[in-house]
Every structure is written in structure tokens, then in C-alpha cells.
Amino acid sequence: MAVDYGTMAMLFILVVASLAMYFIKDLLHAVIVYGAYSLIMALVWLQMNTPDIAITEAAAGIGMTVLMMVVISRTSRREEYS
């Protein structure tokens, strides 16, 4: 039985990213983790030989990440660090 350690590592990263998005309090950081989650998920779909779903995941992930970044930057007040 062949074990693909790369796919297992990516699935572990997905679980960690999911938990991180749940526990992170800063919305901007959570959106950044979501972008990484979407990228890893697209790579998992590509590993499973489904390039059409991988492209869809990448496009939807990029679109949602940009949309959430714009909404967060317009609605939240972040203090500048000196």
C-alpha cells in the first residue's frame, strides 16, 4: 500500500489552517490564513487529478480573499504601529 506523504502533509495543513481561522481574533490575519487554506486546497485537488476543480477553487479563493480584504479594510479601524 503506497502512502503519499505530500498529500497527507497538505491535509494536515488544511486542518491546522481551519483551526487557526476559528481561533484567530484579528480579521485580517484570519483572511490571510483563509488565502493559504484556499491555495493548499487547490493543490490537493490538483494532486487528486481534478484540474477543473483546482482552477475553480483557486479562482473562488482569490476572489473571496480580495473581497474580504476590501470589506475589512473599509469597515474596521486598525491602529498604525509606530
PDB file of N, CA and C in Angstrom:
ATOM      1  N   MET A   1       0.852  -1.173   0.000  1.00  0.00           N
ATOM      2  CA  MET A   1       0.000   0.000   0.000  1.00  0.00           C
ATOM      3  C   MET A   1       0.900   1.239   0.000  1.00  0.00           C
ATOM      4  N   ALA A   2       0.722   2.089  -1.006  1.00  0.00           N
ATOM      5  CA  ALA A   2       1.530   3.293  -1.146  1.00  0.00           C
ATOM      6  C   ALA A   2       0.894   4.435  -0.351  1.00  0.00           C
ATOM      7  N   VAL A   3       1.730   5.154   0.347  1.00  0.00           N
ATOM      8  CA  VAL A   3       1.268   6.287   1.138  1.00  0.00           C
ATOM      9  C   VAL A   3       1.875   7.549   0.534  1.00  0.00           C
ATOM     10  N   ASP A   4       1.043   8.508   0.222  1.00  0.00           N
ATOM     11  CA  ASP A   4       1.510   9.772  -0.331  1.00  0.00           C
ATOM     12  C   ASP A   4       1.663  10.775   0.819  1.00  0.00           C
ATOM     13  N   TYR A   5       2.901  10.954   1.265  1.00  0.00           N
ATOM     14  CA  TYR A   5       3.159  11.824   2.410  1.00  0.00           C
ATOM     15  C   TYR A   5       2.924  13.296   2.087  1.00  0.00           C
ATOM     16  N   GLY A   6       3.087  13.673   0.822  1.00  0.00           N
ATOM     17  CA  GLY A   6       2.827  15.059   0.441  1.00  0.00           C
ATOM     18  C   GLY A   6       1.371  15.437   0.615  1.00  0.00           C
ATOM     19  N   THR A   7       0.480  14.558   0.164  1.00  0.00           N
ATOM     20  CA  THR A   7      -0.952  14.816   0.321  1.00  0.00           C
ATOM     21  C   THR A   7      -1.351  14.791   1.787  1.00  0.00           C
ATOM     22  N   MET A   8      -0.772  13.872   2.540  1.00  0.00           N
ATOM     23  CA  MET A   8      -1.077  13.824   3.975  1.00  0.00           C
ATOM     24  C   MET A   8      -0.626  15.105   4.671  1.00  0.00           C
ATOM     25  N   ALA A   9       0.532  15.625   4.289  1.00  0.00           N
ATOM     26  CA  ALA A   9       1.028  16.869   4.878  1.00  0.00           C
ATOM     27  C   ALA A   9       0.107  18.036   4.528  1.00  0.00           C
ATOM     28  N   MET A  10      -0.366  18.072   3.267  1.00  0.00           N
ATOM     29  CA  MET A  10      -1.265  19.150   2.868  1.00  0.00           C
ATOM     30  C   MET A  10      -2.600  19.053   3.610  1.00  0.00           C
ATOM     31  N   LEU A  11      -3.101  17.850   3.806  1.00  0.00           N
ATOM     32  CA  LEU A  11      -4.345  17.693   4.562  1.00  0.00           C
ATOM     33  C   LEU A  11      -4.166  18.109   6.020  1.00  0.00           C
ATOM     34  N   PHE A  12      -2.993  17.818   6.594  1.00  0.00           N
ATOM     35  CA  PHE A  12      -2.706  18.272   7.959  1.00  0.00           C
ATOM     36  C   PHE A  12      -2.667  19.794   8.022  1.00  0.00           C
ATOM     37  N   ILE A  13      -2.070  20.427   7.019  1.00  0.00           N
ATOM     38  CA  ILE A  13      -2.024  21.889   6.964  1.00  0.00           C
ATOM     39  C   ILE A  13      -3.434  22.458   6.849  1.00  0.00           C
ATOM     40  N   LEU A  14      -4.306  21.782   6.090  1.00  0.00           N
ATOM     41  CA  LEU A  14      -5.697  22.233   5.981  1.00  0.00           C
ATOM     42  C   LEU A  14      -6.402  22.204   7.330  1.00  0.00           C
ATOM     43  N   VAL A  15      -6.175  21.149   8.103  1.00  0.00           N
ATOM     44  CA  VAL A  15      -6.794  21.054   9.425  1.00  0.00           C
ATOM     45  C   VAL A  15      -6.271  22.164  10.341  1.00  0.00           C
ATOM     46  N   VAL A  16      -4.961  22.384  10.323  1.00  0.00           N
ATOM     47  CA  VAL A  16      -4.363  23.436  11.151  1.00  0.00           C
ATOM     48  C   VAL A  16      -4.882  24.812  10.730  1.00  0.00           C
ATOM     49  N   ALA A  17      -4.982  25.054   9.426  1.00  0.00           N
ATOM     50  CA  ALA A  17      -5.482  26.346   8.945  1.00  0.00           C
ATOM     51  C   ALA A  17      -6.940  26.549   9.336  1.00  0.00           C
ATOM     52  N   SER A  18      -7.731  25.489   9.284  1.00  0.00           N
ATOM     53  CA  SER A  18      -9.141  25.599   9.685  1.00  0.00           C
ATOM     54  C   SER A  18      -9.255  25.978  11.153  1.00  0.00           C
ATOM     55  N   LEU A  19      -8.476  25.327  11.990  1.00  0.00           N
ATOM     56  CA  LEU A  19      -8.492  25.654  13.415  1.00  0.00           C
ATOM     57  C   LEU A  19      -7.966  27.060  13.663  1.00  0.00           C
ATOM     58  N   ALA A  20      -6.953  27.458  12.924  1.00  0.00           N
ATOM     59  CA  ALA A  20      -6.397  28.808  13.085  1.00  0.00           C
ATOM     60  C   ALA A  20      -7.426  29.864  12.713  1.00  0.00           C
ATOM     61  N   MET A  21      -8.168  29.637  11.618  1.00  0.00           N
ATOM     62  CA  MET A  21      -9.200  30.610  11.232  1.00  0.00           C
ATOM     63  C   MET A  21     -10.272  30.730  12.297  1.00  0.00           C
ATOM     64  N   TYR A  22     -10.553  29.662  12.989  1.00  0.00           N
ATOM     65  CA  TYR A  22     -11.569  29.694  14.038  1.00  0.00           C
ATOM     66  C   TYR A  22     -11.090  30.465  15.263  1.00  0.00           C
ATOM     67  N   PHE A  23      -9.826  30.304  15.634  1.00  0.00           N
ATOM     68  CA  PHE A  23      -9.328  30.886  16.876  1.00  0.00           C
ATOM     69  C   PHE A  23      -8.691  32.266  16.720  1.00  0.00           C
ATOM     70  N   ILE A  24      -8.318  32.681  15.522  1.00  0.00           N
ATOM     71  CA  ILE A  24      -7.688  33.990  15.323  1.00  0.00           C
ATOM     72  C   ILE A  24      -8.730  35.088  15.530  1.00  0.00           C
ATOM     73  N   LYS A  25      -8.376  36.073  16.331  1.00  0.00           N
ATOM     74  CA  LYS A  25      -9.293  37.175  16.636  1.00  0.00           C
ATOM     75  C   LYS A  25      -9.215  38.311  15.608  1.00  0.00           C
ATOM     76  N   ASP A  26      -8.046  38.538  15.044  1.00  0.00           N
ATOM     77  CA  ASP A  26      -7.864  39.619  14.077  1.00  0.00           C
ATOM     78  C   ASP A  26      -8.383  39.166  12.712  1.00  0.00           C
ATOM     79  N   LEU A  27      -9.340  39.909  12.168  1.00  0.00           N
ATOM     80  CA  LEU A  27      -9.967  39.508  10.912  1.00  0.00           C
ATOM     81  C   LEU A  27      -8.991  39.485   9.749  1.00  0.00           C
ATOM     82  N   LEU A  28      -8.070  40.426   9.709  1.00  0.00           N
ATOM     83  CA  LEU A  28      -7.108  40.478   8.619  1.00  0.00           C
ATOM     84  C   LEU A  28      -6.219  39.236   8.612  1.00  0.00           C
ATOM     85  N   HIS A  29      -5.776  38.826   9.775  1.00  0.00           N
ATOM     86  CA  HIS A  29      -4.951  37.617   9.855  1.00  0.00           C
ATOM     87  C   HIS A  29      -5.753  36.376   9.483  1.00  0.00           C
ATOM     88  N   ALA A  30      -7.014  36.350   9.861  1.00  0.00           N
ATOM     89  CA  ALA A  30      -7.859  35.210   9.504  1.00  0.00           C
ATOM     90  C   ALA A  30      -8.055  35.127   7.992  1.00  0.00           C
ATOM     91  N   VAL A  31      -8.172  36.257   7.325  1.00  0.00           N
ATOM     92  CA  VAL A  31      -8.320  36.261   5.869  1.00  0.00           C
ATOM     93  C   VAL A  31      -7.037  35.786   5.204  1.00  0.00           C
ATOM     94  N   ILE A  32      -5.895  36.153   5.742  1.00  0.00           N
ATOM     95  CA  ILE A  32      -4.625  35.686   5.200  1.00  0.00           C
ATOM     96  C   ILE A  32      -4.503  34.174   5.334  1.00  0.00           C
ATOM     97  N   VAL A  33      -4.913  33.640   6.469  1.00  0.00           N
ATOM     98  CA  VAL A  33      -4.898  32.186   6.662  1.00  0.00           C
ATOM     99  C   VAL A  33      -5.890  31.522   5.709  1.00  0.00           C
ATOM    100  N   TYR A  34      -7.030  32.172   5.470  1.00  0.00           N
ATOM    101  CA  TYR A  34      -8.001  31.635   4.518  1.00  0.00           C
ATOM    102  C   TYR A  34      -7.402  31.554   3.112  1.00  0.00           C
ATOM    103  N   GLY A  35      -6.631  32.554   2.730  1.00  0.00           N
ATOM    104  CA  GLY A  35      -5.967  32.528   1.423  1.00  0.00           C
ATOM    105  C   GLY A  35      -4.999  31.355   1.311  1.00  0.00           C
ATOM    106  N   ALA A  36      -4.255  31.095   2.387  1.00  0.00           N
ATOM    107  CA  ALA A  36      -3.349  29.943   2.391  1.00  0.00           C
ATOM    108  C   ALA A  36      -4.138  28.643   2.340  1.00  0.00           C
ATOM    109  N   TYR A  37      -5.256  28.592   3.050  1.00  0.00           N
ATOM    110  CA  TYR A  37      -6.120  27.410   3.034  1.00  0.00           C
ATOM    111  C   TYR A  37      -6.617  27.134   1.617  1.00  0.00           C
ATOM    112  N   SER A  38      -7.045  28.179   0.941  1.00  0.00           N
ATOM    113  CA  SER A  38      -7.565  28.024  -0.414  1.00  0.00           C
ATOM    114  C   SER A  38      -6.472  27.546  -1.371  1.00  0.00           C
ATOM    115  N   LEU A  39      -5.271  28.061  -1.216  1.00  0.00           N
ATOM    116  CA  LEU A  39      -4.151  27.632  -2.056  1.00  0.00           C
ATOM    117  C   LEU A  39      -3.839  26.158  -1.832  1.00  0.00           C
ATOM    118  N   ILE A  40      -3.751  25.742  -0.588  1.00  0.00           N
ATOM    119  CA  ILE A  40      -3.466  24.337  -0.283  1.00  0.00           C
ATOM    120  C   ILE A  40      -4.597  23.442  -0.786  1.00  0.00           C
ATOM    121  N   MET A  41      -5.839  23.896  -0.650  1.00  0.00           N
ATOM    122  CA  MET A  41      -6.970  23.097  -1.129  1.00  0.00           C
ATOM    123  C   MET A  41      -6.912  22.934  -2.639  1.00  0.00           C
ATOM    124  N   ALA A  42      -6.525  23.982  -3.362  1.00  0.00           N
ATOM    125  CA  ALA A  42      -6.378  23.876  -4.816  1.00  0.00           C
ATOM    126  C   ALA A  42      -5.274  22.877  -5.168  1.00  0.00           C
ATOM    127  N   LEU A  43      -4.191  22.868  -4.396  1.00  0.00           N
ATOM    128  CA  LEU A  43      -3.120  21.899  -4.640  1.00  0.00           C
ATOM    129  C   LEU A  43      -3.575  20.472  -4.355  1.00  0.00           C
ATOM    130  N   VAL A  44      -4.403  20.298  -3.334  1.00  0.00           N
ATOM    131  CA  VAL A  44      -4.945  18.964  -3.040  1.00  0.00           C
ATOM    132  C   VAL A  44      -5.813  18.484  -4.195  1.00  0.00           C
ATOM    133  N   TRP A  45      -6.669  19.364  -4.726  1.00  0.00           N
ATOM    134  CA  TRP A  45      -7.498  18.983  -5.867  1.00  0.00           C
ATOM    135  C   TRP A  45      -6.620  18.630  -7.059  1.00  0.00           C
ATOM    136  N   LEU A  46      -5.525  19.360  -7.235  1.00  0.00           N
ATOM    137  CA  LEU A  46      -4.614  19.072  -8.347  1.00  0.00           C
ATOM    138  C   LEU A  46      -3.929  17.723  -8.155  1.00  0.00           C
ATOM    139  N   GLN A  47      -3.563  17.393  -6.920  1.00  0.00           N
ATOM    140  CA  GLN A  47      -2.959  16.089  -6.621  1.00  0.00           C
ATOM    141  C   GLN A  47      -3.932  14.948  -6.908  1.00  0.00           C
ATOM    142  N   MET A  48      -5.223  15.207  -6.762  1.00  0.00           N
ATOM    143  CA  MET A  48      -6.236  14.178  -6.985  1.00  0.00           C
ATOM    144  C   MET A  48      -6.662  14.108  -8.452  1.00  0.00           C
ATOM    145  N   ASN A  49      -5.886  14.745  -9.336  1.00  0.00           N
ATOM    146  CA  ASN A  49      -6.115  14.739 -10.786  1.00  0.00           C
ATOM    147  C   ASN A  49      -7.481  15.307 -11.179  1.00  0.00           C
ATOM    148  N   THR A  50      -7.866  16.394 -10.528  1.00  0.00           N
ATOM    149  CA  THR A  50      -9.091  17.115 -10.894  1.00  0.00           C
ATOM    150  C   THR A  50      -8.732  18.587 -11.131  1.00  0.00           C
ATOM    151  N   PRO A  51      -8.091  18.874 -12.275  1.00  0.00           N
ATOM    152  CA  PRO A  51      -7.632  20.252 -12.504  1.00  0.00           C
ATOM    153  C   PRO A  51      -8.775  21.256 -12.650  1.00  0.00           C
ATOM    154  N   ASP A  52      -9.940  20.813 -13.112  1.00  0.00           N
ATOM    155  CA  ASP A  52     -11.052  21.747 -13.245  1.00  0.00           C
ATOM    156  C   ASP A  52     -11.521  22.251 -11.880  1.00  0.00           C
ATOM    157  N   ILE A  53     -11.591  21.367 -10.907  1.00  0.00           N
ATOM    158  CA  ILE A  53     -11.982  21.780  -9.560  1.00  0.00           C
ATOM    159  C   ILE A  53     -10.869  22.609  -8.918  1.00  0.00           C
ATOM    160  N   ALA A  54      -9.615  22.274  -9.211  1.00  0.00           N
ATOM    161  CA  ALA A  54      -8.485  23.039  -8.669  1.00  0.00           C
ATOM    162  C   ALA A  54      -8.515  24.479  -9.174  1.00  0.00           C
ATOM    163  N   ILE A  55      -8.791  24.664 -10.461  1.00  0.00           N
ATOM    164  CA  ILE A  55      -8.856  26.016 -11.021  1.00  0.00           C
ATOM    165  C   ILE A  55     -10.029  26.779 -10.422  1.00  0.00           C
ATOM    166  N   THR A  56     -11.164  26.099 -10.253  1.00  0.00           N
ATOM    167  CA  THR A  56     -12.332  26.739  -9.650  1.00  0.00           C
ATOM    168  C   THR A  56     -12.047  27.147  -8.214  1.00  0.00           C
ATOM    169  N   GLU A  57     -11.408  26.259  -7.451  1.00  0.00           N
ATOM    170  CA  GLU A  57     -11.055  26.567  -6.063  1.00  0.00           C
ATOM    171  C   GLU A  57     -10.094  27.748  -5.986  1.00  0.00           C
ATOM    172  N   ALA A  58      -9.107  27.763  -6.862  1.00  0.00           N
ATOM    173  CA  ALA A  58      -8.141  28.864  -6.861  1.00  0.00           C
ATOM    174  C   ALA A  58      -8.825  30.187  -7.202  1.00  0.00           C
ATOM    175  N   ALA A  59      -9.684  30.181  -8.215  1.00  0.00           N
ATOM    176  CA  ALA A  59     -10.371  31.414  -8.613  1.00  0.00           C
ATOM    177  C   ALA A  59     -11.321  31.893  -7.518  1.00  0.00           C
ATOM    178  N   ALA A  60     -12.093  30.970  -6.941  1.00  0.00           N
ATOM    179  CA  ALA A  60     -13.012  31.352  -5.877  1.00  0.00           C
ATOM    180  C   ALA A  60     -12.249  31.820  -4.643  1.00  0.00           C
ATOM    181  N   GLY A  61     -11.147  31.159  -4.325  1.00  0.00           N
ATOM    182  CA  GLY A  61     -10.335  31.562  -3.177  1.00  0.00           C
ATOM    183  C   GLY A  61      -9.739  32.940  -3.347  1.00  0.00           C
ATOM    184  N   ILE A  62      -9.225  33.222  -4.536  1.00  0.00           N
ATOM    185  CA  ILE A  62      -8.654  34.544  -4.800  1.00  0.00           C
ATOM    186  C   ILE A  62      -9.744  35.611  -4.736  1.00  0.00           C
ATOM    187  N   GLY A  63     -10.883  35.321  -5.352  1.00  0.00           N
ATOM    188  CA  GLY A  63     -11.984  36.295  -5.339  1.00  0.00           C
ATOM    189  C   GLY A  63     -12.491  36.585  -3.941  1.00  0.00           C
ATOM    190  N   MET A  64     -12.690  35.539  -3.159  1.00  0.00           N
ATOM    191  CA  MET A  64     -13.186  35.741  -1.788  1.00  0.00           C
ATOM    192  C   MET A  64     -12.147  36.440  -0.914  1.00  0.00           C
ATOM    193  N   THR A  65     -10.882  36.091  -1.087  1.00  0.00           N
ATOM    194  CA  THR A  65      -9.833  36.732  -0.291  1.00  0.00           C
ATOM    195  C   THR A  65      -9.766  38.229  -0.591  1.00  0.00           C
ATOM    196  N   VAL A  66      -9.797  38.581  -1.858  1.00  0.00           N
ATOM    197  CA  VAL A  66      -9.762  40.002  -2.228  1.00  0.00           C
ATOM    198  C   VAL A  66     -11.002  40.714  -1.709  1.00  0.00           C
ATOM    199  N   LEU A  67     -12.165  40.105  -1.870  1.00  0.00           N
ATOM    200  CA  LEU A  67     -13.409  40.721  -1.393  1.00  0.00           C
ATOM    201  C   LEU A  67     -13.379  40.929   0.123  1.00  0.00           C
ATOM    202  N   MET A  68     -12.934  39.919   0.856  1.00  0.00           N
ATOM    203  CA  MET A  68     -12.880  40.061   2.318  1.00  0.00           C
ATOM    204  C   MET A  68     -11.848  41.091   2.746  1.00  0.00           C
ATOM    205  N   MET A  69     -10.719  41.179   2.036  1.00  0.00           N
ATOM    206  CA  MET A  69      -9.699  42.183   2.375  1.00  0.00           C
ATOM    207  C   MET A  69     -10.251  43.589   2.165  1.00  0.00           C
ATOM    208  N   VAL A  70     -10.999  43.795   1.085  1.00  0.00           N
ATOM    209  CA  VAL A  70     -11.576  45.116   0.813  1.00  0.00           C
ATOM    210  C   VAL A  70     -12.606  45.468   1.880  1.00  0.00           C
ATOM    211  N   VAL A  71     -13.467  44.523   2.216  1.00  0.00           N
ATOM    212  CA  VAL A  71     -14.500  44.785   3.225  1.00  0.00           C
ATOM    213  C   VAL A  71     -13.871  45.071   4.580  1.00  0.00           C
ATOM    214  N   ILE A  72     -12.874  44.294   4.950  1.00  0.00           N
ATOM    215  CA  ILE A  72     -12.223  44.505   6.248  1.00  0.00           C
ATOM    216  C   ILE A  72     -11.500  45.839   6.280  1.00  0.00           C
ATOM    217  N   SER A  73     -10.817  46.194   5.191  1.00  0.00           N
ATOM    218  CA  SER A  73     -10.072  47.458   5.194  1.00  0.00           C
ATOM    219  C   SER A  73     -11.007  48.662   5.246  1.00  0.00           C
ATOM    220  N   ARG A  74     -12.222  48.520   4.723  1.00  0.00           N
ATOM    221  CA  ARG A  74     -13.158  49.645   4.749  1.00  0.00           C
ATOM    222  C   ARG A  74     -13.968  49.724   6.032  1.00  0.00           C
ATOM    223  N   THR A  75     -14.211  48.596   6.681  1.00  0.00           N
ATOM    224  CA  THR A  75     -15.099  48.614   7.838  1.00  0.00           C
ATOM    225  C   THR A  75     -14.389  48.614   9.181  1.00  0.00           C
ATOM    226  N   SER A  76     -13.204  48.072   9.253  1.00  0.00           N
ATOM    227  CA  SER A  76     -12.547  48.004  10.564  1.00  0.00           C
ATOM    228  C   SER A  76     -11.529  49.123  10.702  1.00  0.00           C
ATOM    229  N   ARG A  77     -11.313  49.483  11.929  1.00  0.00           N
ATOM    230  CA  ARG A  77     -10.330  50.522  12.231  1.00  0.00           C
ATOM    231  C   ARG A  77      -9.115  49.843  12.839  1.00  0.00           C
ATOM    232  N   ARG A  78      -7.995  49.972  12.147  1.00  0.00           N
ATOM    233  CA  ARG A  78      -6.740  49.392  12.625  1.00  0.00           C
ATOM    234  C   ARG A  78      -5.787  50.526  12.968  1.00  0.00           C
ATOM    235  N   GLU A  79      -5.167  50.416  14.120  1.00  0.00           N
ATOM    236  CA  GLU A  79      -4.216  51.440  14.533  1.00  0.00           C
ATOM    237  C   GLU A  79      -2.866  51.123  13.914  1.00  0.00           C
ATOM    238  N   GLU A  80      -2.182  52.171  13.498  1.00  0.00           N
ATOM    239  CA  GLU A  80      -0.857  52.016  12.927  1.00  0.00           C
ATOM    240  C   GLU A  80       0.154  51.842  14.049  1.00  0.00           C
ATOM    241  N   TYR A  81       1.064  50.900  13.850  1.00  0.00           N
ATOM    242  CA  TYR A  81       2.120  50.682  14.836  1.00  0.00           C
ATOM    243  C   TYR A  81       3.297  51.588  14.515  1.00  0.00           C
ATOM    244  N   SER A  82       3.865  52.199  15.539  1.00  0.00           N
ATOM    245  CA  SER A  82       4.993  53.133  15.333  1.00  0.00           C
ATOM    246  C   SER A  82       6.297  52.392  15.297  1.00  0.00           C
TER     247      SER A  82
END
